[in-house]
Amino acid sequence: LDGREVVQAIRADPQMRHLPVVALSSSGEPSDVDATFASGADSYLQKPVDFVRFIDDVRALRERWLER
């Protein structure tokens, strides 16, 4: 399965459909981002080349989805 198919499977499962899904991809192409959101993802994060930026992005995701 590719990532979008995994998201669709999660959304189809009544026990998991409420879970937030964050897609992590190397692609920043608008068509890939749009297709991922269309498949049911809640957030999309492009893998940054810079490790420090990656850590900052993961912290922001944690704040959004885990620290409510």
C-alpha atoms as a PDB file:
ATOM      1  CA  LEU A   1       0.000   0.000   0.000  1.00  0.00           C
ATOM      2  CA  ASP A   2       1.132   3.537  -0.569  1.00  0.00           C
ATOM      3  CA  GLY A   3       0.564   6.229   2.038  1.00  0.00           C
ATOM      4  CA  ARG A   4      -2.723   7.428   0.583  1.00  0.00           C
ATOM      5  CA  GLU A   5      -4.076   3.898   0.587  1.00  0.00           C
ATOM      6  CA  VAL A   6      -3.085   3.558   4.239  1.00  0.00           C
ATOM      7  CA  VAL A   7      -4.963   6.763   5.074  1.00  0.00           C
ATOM      8  CA  GLN A   8      -8.035   5.465   3.238  1.00  0.00           C
ATOM      9  CA  ALA A   9      -7.844   2.180   5.160  1.00  0.00           C
ATOM     10  CA  ILE A  10      -7.633   4.058   8.465  1.00  0.00           C
ATOM     11  CA  ARG A  11     -10.637   6.196   7.542  1.00  0.00           C
ATOM     12  CA  ALA A  12     -12.611   3.087   6.538  1.00  0.00           C
ATOM     13  CA  ASP A  13     -12.031   1.384   9.902  1.00  0.00           C
ATOM     14  CA  PRO A  14     -14.646   2.468  12.479  1.00  0.00           C
ATOM     15  CA  GLN A  15     -12.211   1.890  15.350  1.00  0.00           C
ATOM     16  CA  MET A  16      -9.466   4.055  13.838  1.00  0.00           C
ATOM     17  CA  ARG A  17     -11.260   6.662  11.737  1.00  0.00           C
ATOM     18  CA  HIS A  18     -11.195   9.224  14.575  1.00  0.00           C
ATOM     19  CA  LEU A  19      -7.376   9.154  14.827  1.00  0.00           C
ATOM     20  CA  PRO A  20      -5.501  12.137  13.421  1.00  0.00           C
ATOM     21  CA  VAL A  21      -3.375  11.154  10.420  1.00  0.00           C
ATOM     22  CA  VAL A  22      -0.240  13.112   9.592  1.00  0.00           C
ATOM     23  CA  ALA A  23       1.378  12.351   6.234  1.00  0.00           C
ATOM     24  CA  LEU A  24       5.160  12.636   6.073  1.00  0.00           C
ATOM     25  CA  SER A  25       6.442  12.797   2.507  1.00  0.00           C
ATOM     26  CA  SER A  26       9.455  13.907   0.544  1.00  0.00           C
ATOM     27  CA  SER A  27       7.147  15.443  -2.056  1.00  0.00           C
ATOM     28  CA  GLY A  28       6.074  19.039  -1.918  1.00  0.00           C
ATOM     29  CA  GLU A  29       4.145  18.884  -5.191  1.00  0.00           C
ATOM     30  CA  PRO A  30       0.756  20.558  -4.786  1.00  0.00           C
ATOM     31  CA  SER A  31      -0.961  17.653  -6.553  1.00  0.00           C
ATOM     32  CA  ASP A  32       0.531  15.186  -4.033  1.00  0.00           C
ATOM     33  CA  VAL A  33      -0.483  17.381  -1.102  1.00  0.00           C
ATOM     34  CA  ASP A  34      -4.020  17.771  -2.462  1.00  0.00           C
ATOM     35  CA  ALA A  35      -4.363  14.041  -3.145  1.00  0.00           C
ATOM     36  CA  THR A  36      -3.177  13.215   0.370  1.00  0.00           C
ATOM     37  CA  PHE A  37      -5.722  15.541   1.968  1.00  0.00           C
ATOM     38  CA  ALA A  38      -8.400  14.162  -0.374  1.00  0.00           C
ATOM     39  CA  SER A  39      -7.608  10.661   0.883  1.00  0.00           C
ATOM     40  CA  GLY A  40      -8.393  11.793   4.441  1.00  0.00           C
ATOM     41  CA  ALA A  41      -5.130  13.000   5.999  1.00  0.00           C
ATOM     42  CA  ASP A  42      -5.396  15.721   8.637  1.00  0.00           C
ATOM     43  CA  SER A  43      -1.933  17.211   8.170  1.00  0.00           C
ATOM     44  CA  TYR A  44       0.846  17.031   5.614  1.00  0.00           C
ATOM     45  CA  LEU A  45       4.501  17.469   6.454  1.00  0.00           C
ATOM     46  CA  GLN A  46       7.189  17.570   3.809  1.00  0.00           C
ATOM     47  CA  LYS A  47      10.397  15.963   5.002  1.00  0.00           C
ATOM     48  CA  PRO A  48      12.862  18.812   5.410  1.00  0.00           C
ATOM     49  CA  VAL A  49      16.495  18.386   4.459  1.00  0.00           C
ATOM     50  CA  ASP A  50      17.595  20.290   7.564  1.00  0.00           C
ATOM     51  CA  PHE A  51      17.403  18.132  10.712  1.00  0.00           C
ATOM     52  CA  VAL A  52      16.798  21.113  13.011  1.00  0.00           C
ATOM     53  CA  ARG A  53      13.814  22.142  10.888  1.00  0.00           C
ATOM     54  CA  PHE A  54      12.516  18.571  11.021  1.00  0.00           C
ATOM     55  CA  ILE A  55      12.637  18.665  14.828  1.00  0.00           C
ATOM     56  CA  ASP A  56      10.802  22.014  14.831  1.00  0.00           C
ATOM     57  CA  ASP A  57       8.127  20.602  12.513  1.00  0.00           C
ATOM     58  CA  VAL A  58       7.648  17.519  14.706  1.00  0.00           C
ATOM     59  CA  ARG A  59       7.330  19.732  17.789  1.00  0.00           C
ATOM     60  CA  ALA A  60       4.653  21.794  16.034  1.00  0.00           C
ATOM     61  CA  LEU A  61       2.764  18.602  15.161  1.00  0.00           C
ATOM     62  CA  ARG A  62       2.999  17.422  18.747  1.00  0.00           C
ATOM     63  CA  GLU A  63       1.575  20.711  19.974  1.00  0.00           C
ATOM     64  CA  ARG A  64      -1.288  20.560  17.479  1.00  0.00           C
ATOM     65  CA  TRP A  65      -2.316  16.923  17.860  1.00  0.00           C
ATOM     66  CA  LEU A  66      -1.080  15.727  21.263  1.00  0.00           C
ATOM     67  CA  GLU A  67      -1.141  18.703  23.615  1.00  0.00           C
ATOM     68  CA  ARG A  68      -4.768  19.727  23.582  1.00  0.00           C
END
